[in-house]
Amino acid sequence: MKTGVLLVNLGTPDSPSVKDVRKYLFEFLNDPRVIDIPSVIRLFLVNFIIVPFRAPKSAEIYKMLWTEKGSPILIFGESVKEKLQKELGENYEVELAMRYQNPSLDDVLARMRVKNYRKIIVIPLFPQYASATTGSVIEKVMKIVSRWWVIPEIKFIGQFFDNEGYLNTIAEQSKKYKLSEYDHILFSFHGLPERQVDKVHFDGTPCSDHKCDEVLTDENIYCYKATCYATARLLAKKLNIHIDKYTVCFQSRLDKKWLKPFSDEVVIEQAKKGAKKLLVFSPAFVADCLETTVEIGIEYQKLFEQHGGEKVQLVESLNDHPMWVTALKKIVLKEN
């Protein structure tokens, strides 16, 4: 009997058309783990305000990201799936799904159900756990699988921010650039509302009371902020980057009540200090996407130039690098 391996990333519209982007945003933003407010308010805000106004603007941005082959997050995902399949061999079957849109979890798991796998290993492709990403994937998978008559053993990979293969691949990607030539280095993670991060702590106290930017403990091991800072410390040590040389920051915010410091403000601050070249890592993403290619590579470049800077250099994500495929292989074999 074979083992099924399910890789799950966030998702992508089927095309950069307004229609497809609107469809994607409807599914994404109506997830209660993404926008964690009362359902009636969320439905009104998402369906009548946010999506109708945001879809046309987002479609224009997706056109900047799109390639001849399609969405990079899907292209890299399919490539990793094929390469991992070759690495693991005939005793495993690797599938790829997206939490939102296609290939959908419903369709992929329906196909996996009839394979009668001995075991299924689910790997949400988010290095640092967050309820809005990994938590949402796990909840959706469990909801689908709970309806099966025969439920095989299922193993979820909660996070892998400290996995050596993951860290080594990021370090390898950075070798394209000479770190000493950059005035400052940013470790830019996707932002989250502070209220979502605070919910991790069962004692009801805010994240700021747990020194999550300084230490990682058994109590905050699933705190997104804590694991982001821990990731940065691990990478800084591996790459021999002094603490004064880098800043941990958070991008893609919707309002001021998201995790700080904000990446765009750090970019502006560095320019005003006289920095001319910035190197930016994006360790929360395993594949280049809207937030890396466009937000960091294009939008932050413009911001930096407007305030006197010259170059914002993005370090490419893991994408389909052979070292990343090997890291995933080791994760699978360890759980089997």
Protein backbone atom coordinates (compact mmCIF):
# COMPACT_ATOMS: atom_id res chain seq x y z
CA MET A 1 0.00 0.00 0.00
CA LYS A 2 1.20 3.44 -0.91
CA THR A 3 1.50 6.65 1.06
CA GLY A 4 -0.22 9.75 -0.25
CA VAL A 5 1.56 13.09 0.05
CA LEU A 6 -0.53 16.24 -0.24
CA LEU A 7 1.20 19.59 -0.74
CA VAL A 8 -1.12 22.57 -0.12
CA ASN A 9 -0.43 26.21 -0.86
CA LEU A 10 -2.65 29.24 -0.42
CA GLY A 11 -4.07 29.60 -3.91
CA THR A 12 -4.28 31.70 -7.03
CA PRO A 13 -6.92 32.99 -9.42
CA ASP A 14 -7.36 30.90 -12.57
CA SER A 15 -6.43 33.96 -14.60
CA PRO A 16 -5.73 37.67 -14.00
CA SER A 17 -9.19 38.60 -15.28
CA VAL A 18 -11.44 40.59 -12.96
CA LYS A 19 -13.96 37.74 -12.98
CA ASP A 20 -11.45 35.12 -11.83
CA VAL A 21 -9.77 37.42 -9.31
CA ARG A 22 -13.17 38.28 -7.86
CA LYS A 23 -13.98 34.56 -7.53
CA TYR A 24 -10.67 33.94 -5.77
CA LEU A 25 -11.10 36.85 -3.37
CA PHE A 26 -14.66 35.78 -2.50
CA GLU A 27 -13.46 32.35 -1.39
CA PHE A 28 -10.32 33.62 0.32
CA LEU A 29 -11.78 36.53 2.28
CA ASN A 30 -14.93 34.68 3.36
CA ASP A 31 -12.79 32.21 5.30
CA PRO A 32 -13.49 32.95 9.02
CA ARG A 33 -9.88 32.13 9.84
CA VAL A 34 -8.72 34.86 7.47
CA ILE A 35 -11.15 37.57 8.55
CA ASP A 36 -12.02 36.58 12.10
CA ILE A 37 -15.01 38.81 12.79
CA PRO A 38 -18.71 37.95 13.27
CA SER A 39 -20.01 36.16 10.15
CA VAL A 40 -22.77 38.65 9.33
CA ILE A 41 -20.33 41.57 9.39
CA ARG A 42 -17.71 39.61 7.45
CA LEU A 43 -20.19 38.61 4.73
CA PHE A 44 -21.35 42.19 4.30
CA LEU A 45 -17.84 43.69 4.25
CA VAL A 46 -16.37 41.07 1.93
CA ASN A 47 -19.23 40.61 -0.51
CA PHE A 48 -20.47 44.17 -0.78
CA ILE A 49 -17.48 46.39 -0.06
CA ILE A 50 -14.04 44.74 -0.16
CA VAL A 51 -14.29 42.39 -3.15
CA PRO A 52 -16.30 44.64 -5.50
CA PHE A 53 -13.80 47.48 -5.05
CA ARG A 54 -10.65 45.40 -4.68
CA ALA A 55 -11.08 42.88 -7.52
CA PRO A 56 -10.42 45.30 -10.44
CA LYS A 57 -7.32 46.72 -8.73
CA SER A 58 -6.03 43.26 -7.78
CA ALA A 59 -6.58 42.03 -11.34
CA GLU A 60 -4.25 44.74 -12.64
CA ILE A 61 -1.59 43.66 -10.15
CA TYR A 62 -1.99 39.99 -11.07
CA LYS A 63 -1.38 40.92 -14.72
CA MET A 64 2.04 42.17 -13.61
CA LEU A 65 2.73 38.80 -11.99
CA TRP A 66 1.35 36.48 -14.66
CA THR A 67 3.69 34.69 -17.07
CA GLU A 68 3.06 32.94 -20.37
CA LYS A 69 2.71 29.67 -18.45
CA GLY A 70 0.33 31.17 -15.88
CA SER A 71 0.52 31.87 -12.15
CA PRO A 72 4.03 31.40 -10.70
CA ILE A 73 2.74 29.90 -7.44
CA LEU A 74 0.97 27.17 -9.44
CA ILE A 75 3.83 26.67 -11.89
CA PHE A 76 6.38 26.21 -9.11
CA GLY A 77 3.93 24.04 -7.17
CA GLU A 78 3.46 21.66 -10.08
CA SER A 79 7.20 21.52 -10.66
CA VAL A 80 7.89 20.68 -6.99
CA LYS A 81 5.16 18.03 -7.09
CA GLU A 82 6.73 16.32 -10.12
CA LYS A 83 10.27 16.52 -8.77
CA LEU A 84 9.25 15.24 -5.33
CA GLN A 85 7.41 12.34 -6.95
CA LYS A 86 10.61 11.31 -8.73
CA GLU A 87 12.59 11.65 -5.50
CA LEU A 88 10.17 9.56 -3.42
CA GLY A 89 9.55 6.78 -5.94
CA GLU A 90 6.68 4.40 -6.59
CA ASN A 91 5.72 3.80 -2.96
CA TYR A 92 4.42 7.37 -2.74
CA GLU A 93 1.96 9.43 -4.71
CA VAL A 94 2.33 13.21 -4.54
CA GLU A 95 -0.56 15.60 -5.10
CA LEU A 96 -0.81 19.40 -5.11
CA ALA A 97 -3.84 21.40 -4.01
CA MET A 98 -4.66 25.01 -3.23
CA ARG A 99 -6.65 26.11 -0.22
CA TYR A 100 -8.56 28.53 -2.43
CA GLN A 101 -9.51 27.87 -6.05
CA ASN A 102 -7.73 25.31 -8.22
CA PRO A 103 -6.58 22.60 -7.99
CA SER A 104 -9.13 22.50 -5.17
CA LEU A 105 -8.81 20.48 -1.99
CA ASP A 106 -12.25 18.98 -2.65
CA ASP A 107 -11.25 17.62 -6.06
CA VAL A 108 -7.77 16.45 -5.08
CA LEU A 109 -8.91 14.71 -1.89
CA ALA A 110 -11.78 13.07 -3.78
CA ARG A 111 -9.17 11.56 -6.07
CA MET A 112 -7.00 10.51 -3.14
CA ARG A 113 -9.92 8.92 -1.29
CA VAL A 114 -10.33 6.08 -3.81
CA LYS A 115 -6.60 5.26 -3.78
CA ASN A 116 -6.95 3.59 -0.37
CA TYR A 117 -3.62 4.91 0.88
CA ARG A 118 -2.04 3.35 3.92
CA LYS A 119 -1.32 6.86 5.15
CA ILE A 120 -1.69 10.46 3.97
CA ILE A 121 0.88 13.12 4.85
CA VAL A 122 -0.43 16.67 4.47
CA ILE A 123 2.13 19.45 4.15
CA PRO A 124 0.68 22.98 4.24
CA LEU A 125 3.40 24.98 2.51
CA PHE A 126 3.69 27.66 5.19
CA PRO A 127 6.95 27.56 7.19
CA GLN A 128 5.49 29.44 10.17
CA TYR A 129 2.12 28.35 11.58
CA ALA A 130 -0.78 30.80 11.43
CA SER A 131 -4.46 30.10 11.90
CA ALA A 132 -5.22 31.93 8.65
CA THR A 133 -2.91 29.68 6.62
CA THR A 134 -1.87 26.33 8.10
CA GLY A 135 -4.84 26.29 10.47
CA SER A 136 -7.27 26.91 7.62
CA VAL A 137 -5.76 24.13 5.50
CA ILE A 138 -5.91 21.62 8.34
CA GLU A 139 -9.51 22.55 9.17
CA LYS A 140 -10.59 22.20 5.52
CA VAL A 141 -8.84 18.84 5.07
CA MET A 142 -10.37 17.47 8.28
CA LYS A 143 -13.81 18.68 7.25
CA ILE A 144 -13.58 16.89 3.90
CA VAL A 145 -12.00 13.70 5.25
CA SER A 146 -14.50 13.48 8.14
CA ARG A 147 -17.15 12.54 5.56
CA TRP A 148 -15.18 9.56 4.31
CA TRP A 149 -16.34 6.12 5.42
CA VAL A 150 -12.75 4.87 5.57
CA ILE A 151 -10.36 7.39 7.08
CA PRO A 152 -6.68 6.39 6.82
CA GLU A 153 -3.97 7.55 9.16
CA ILE A 154 -3.33 11.23 8.44
CA LYS A 155 -0.31 13.23 9.48
CA PHE A 156 -0.22 17.04 9.31
CA ILE A 157 3.03 19.01 9.20
CA GLY A 158 2.23 22.03 11.37
CA GLN A 159 5.27 24.16 10.54
CA PHE A 160 8.88 23.81 9.42
CA PHE A 161 10.50 27.21 10.07
CA ASP A 162 13.48 25.52 11.77
CA ASN A 163 13.94 22.74 9.21
CA GLU A 164 17.55 22.65 8.07
CA GLY A 165 16.67 21.91 4.45
CA TYR A 166 14.31 24.88 4.30
CA LEU A 167 16.89 27.21 5.88
CA ASN A 168 19.74 25.89 3.73
CA THR A 169 17.75 26.46 0.54
CA ILE A 170 17.13 30.10 1.47
CA ALA A 171 20.84 30.46 2.24
CA GLU A 172 21.67 28.90 -1.12
CA GLN A 173 19.37 31.31 -2.95
CA SER A 174 21.12 34.22 -1.26
CA LYS A 175 24.50 33.17 -2.68
CA LYS A 176 23.58 34.96 -5.89
CA TYR A 177 24.14 38.19 -3.99
CA LYS A 178 27.11 39.47 -2.03
CA LEU A 179 25.61 40.36 1.36
CA SER A 180 28.42 42.76 2.24
CA GLU A 181 27.46 45.01 -0.68
CA TYR A 182 24.09 45.86 0.88
CA ASP A 183 23.58 48.62 3.41
CA HIS A 184 20.83 46.74 5.23
CA ILE A 185 18.97 43.42 5.06
CA LEU A 186 15.25 42.88 5.60
CA PHE A 187 13.53 39.67 6.60
CA SER A 188 10.04 40.55 5.43
CA PHE A 189 7.21 38.24 6.51
CA HIS A 190 3.55 38.42 5.55
CA GLY A 191 1.64 40.43 8.12
CA LEU A 192 -1.28 39.40 10.32
CA PRO A 193 -3.72 41.33 12.49
CA GLU A 194 -2.32 41.61 16.01
CA ARG A 195 -5.58 40.21 17.43
CA GLN A 196 -5.04 36.95 15.52
CA VAL A 197 -1.53 36.56 16.90
CA ASP A 198 -2.72 37.34 20.44
CA LYS A 199 -5.26 34.49 20.28
CA VAL A 200 -2.43 31.96 20.32
CA HIS A 201 -1.70 32.68 23.97
CA PHE A 202 -4.10 30.75 26.18
CA ASP A 203 -3.56 32.97 29.21
CA GLY A 204 -5.37 35.79 27.43
CA THR A 205 -2.41 38.16 27.48
CA PRO A 206 -1.18 39.89 24.31
CA CYS A 207 1.79 38.70 22.32
CA SER A 208 3.85 41.63 23.58
CA ASP A 209 3.77 40.16 27.11
CA HIS A 210 5.52 36.99 25.97
CA LYS A 211 8.64 38.56 24.44
CA CYS A 212 7.86 36.78 21.18
CA ASP A 213 10.34 38.91 19.28
CA GLU A 214 13.14 37.76 21.57
CA VAL A 215 12.64 34.12 22.59
CA LEU A 216 10.91 30.98 21.38
CA THR A 217 9.45 28.76 24.10
CA ASP A 218 7.00 25.90 24.51
CA GLU A 219 4.34 28.51 25.22
CA ASN A 220 4.76 30.51 22.03
CA ILE A 221 5.92 27.79 19.62
CA TYR A 222 2.79 28.34 17.50
CA CYS A 223 2.90 32.12 17.72
CA TYR A 224 3.42 33.41 14.19
CA LYS A 225 5.37 36.44 15.38
CA ALA A 226 7.65 34.31 17.55
CA THR A 227 8.45 31.85 14.78
CA CYS A 228 9.07 34.66 12.27
CA TYR A 229 11.66 36.22 14.58
CA ALA A 230 13.10 32.76 15.26
CA THR A 231 13.39 32.13 11.51
CA ALA A 232 15.26 35.41 11.07
CA ARG A 233 17.66 34.58 13.91
CA LEU A 234 18.37 31.14 12.43
CA LEU A 235 19.03 32.59 8.98
CA ALA A 236 21.13 35.43 10.36
CA LYS A 237 23.29 32.92 12.22
CA LYS A 238 23.62 30.69 9.17
CA LEU A 239 24.54 33.62 6.93
CA ASN A 240 26.69 35.38 9.55
CA ILE A 241 24.57 38.55 9.52
CA HIS A 242 25.06 40.74 12.58
CA ILE A 243 21.91 41.76 14.48
CA ASP A 244 22.55 45.45 13.68
CA LYS A 245 22.63 44.65 9.97
CA TYR A 246 19.07 43.31 9.61
CA THR A 247 15.47 44.12 10.47
CA VAL A 248 12.50 41.77 10.86
CA CYS A 249 9.37 43.36 9.38
CA PHE A 250 5.88 42.54 8.13
CA GLN A 251 4.29 43.38 4.81
CA SER A 252 0.85 43.42 3.14
CA ARG A 253 -0.96 45.11 5.99
CA LEU A 254 -4.56 46.29 5.73
CA ASP A 255 -4.53 48.68 8.69
CA LYS A 256 -2.36 49.96 11.55
CA LYS A 257 -3.38 47.14 13.88
CA TRP A 258 -1.25 44.56 12.09
CA LEU A 259 2.15 43.22 13.15
CA LYS A 260 4.89 45.84 13.26
CA PRO A 261 7.26 47.12 12.07
CA PHE A 262 5.74 47.50 8.61
CA SER A 263 8.06 46.56 5.77
CA ASP A 264 7.22 49.55 3.56
CA GLU A 265 7.95 51.95 6.43
CA VAL A 266 11.27 50.22 7.11
CA VAL A 267 12.19 50.62 3.43
CA ILE A 268 11.44 54.36 3.60
CA GLU A 269 13.28 54.71 6.93
CA GLN A 270 16.39 53.04 5.52
CA ALA A 271 16.35 55.32 2.48
CA LYS A 272 16.10 58.40 4.70
CA LYS A 273 19.08 57.12 6.71
CA GLY A 274 21.12 57.09 3.52
CA ALA A 275 20.95 53.42 2.54
CA LYS A 276 21.37 52.87 -1.19
CA LYS A 277 21.02 49.09 -1.48
CA LEU A 278 18.67 46.78 0.42
CA LEU A 279 18.53 42.98 0.28
CA VAL A 280 15.14 41.50 1.14
CA PHE A 281 14.41 37.91 2.16
CA SER A 282 10.80 36.65 2.22
CA PRO A 283 10.98 33.51 4.41
CA ALA A 284 7.20 33.15 4.84
CA PHE A 285 6.78 32.20 1.17
CA VAL A 286 8.02 28.98 -0.42
CA ALA A 287 7.27 30.24 -3.94
CA ASP A 288 7.49 33.68 -5.50
CA CYS A 289 4.09 35.29 -5.79
CA LEU A 290 2.25 38.62 -5.70
CA GLU A 291 3.76 39.54 -2.32
CA THR A 292 7.34 38.89 -3.37
CA THR A 293 7.64 39.62 -7.07
CA VAL A 294 5.30 42.62 -7.18
CA GLU A 295 5.08 44.03 -3.65
CA ILE A 296 8.77 43.72 -2.79
CA GLY A 297 10.36 43.62 -6.21
CA ILE A 298 8.36 46.44 -7.82
CA GLU A 299 6.42 48.47 -5.24
CA TYR A 300 9.19 48.62 -2.61
CA GLN A 301 11.70 49.47 -5.34
CA LYS A 302 9.62 52.53 -6.27
CA LEU A 303 9.24 53.53 -2.60
CA PHE A 304 12.98 53.24 -2.03
CA GLU A 305 13.82 55.32 -5.08
CA GLN A 306 11.29 58.01 -4.12
CA HIS A 307 13.13 58.55 -0.83
CA GLY A 308 16.66 58.49 -2.14
CA GLY A 309 17.51 54.80 -2.33
CA GLU A 310 18.76 52.96 -5.40
CA LYS A 311 18.15 49.22 -5.34
CA VAL A 312 15.84 46.83 -3.47
CA GLN A 313 17.01 43.32 -4.29
CA LEU A 314 14.63 40.43 -3.61
CA VAL A 315 16.17 37.08 -2.72
CA GLU A 316 14.16 34.53 -4.67
CA SER A 317 11.92 32.16 -2.73
CA LEU A 318 12.53 28.40 -2.58
CA ASN A 319 10.46 27.91 -5.76
CA ASP A 320 11.45 24.51 -7.24
CA HIS A 321 15.09 24.50 -6.14
CA PRO A 322 16.48 20.93 -5.88
CA MET A 323 17.53 21.53 -2.26
CA TRP A 324 13.94 22.41 -1.37
CA VAL A 325 12.66 19.25 -3.04
CA THR A 326 15.20 17.23 -1.05
CA ALA A 327 14.08 18.97 2.15
CA LEU A 328 10.46 18.00 1.45
CA LYS A 329 11.55 14.43 0.75
CA LYS A 330 13.26 14.22 4.14
CA ILE A 331 10.17 15.64 5.87
CA VAL A 332 8.01 12.95 4.23
CA LEU A 333 10.39 10.09 5.00
CA LYS A 334 10.70 11.20 8.62
CA GLU A 335 6.90 11.02 9.03
CA ASN A 336 6.57 7.64 7.36
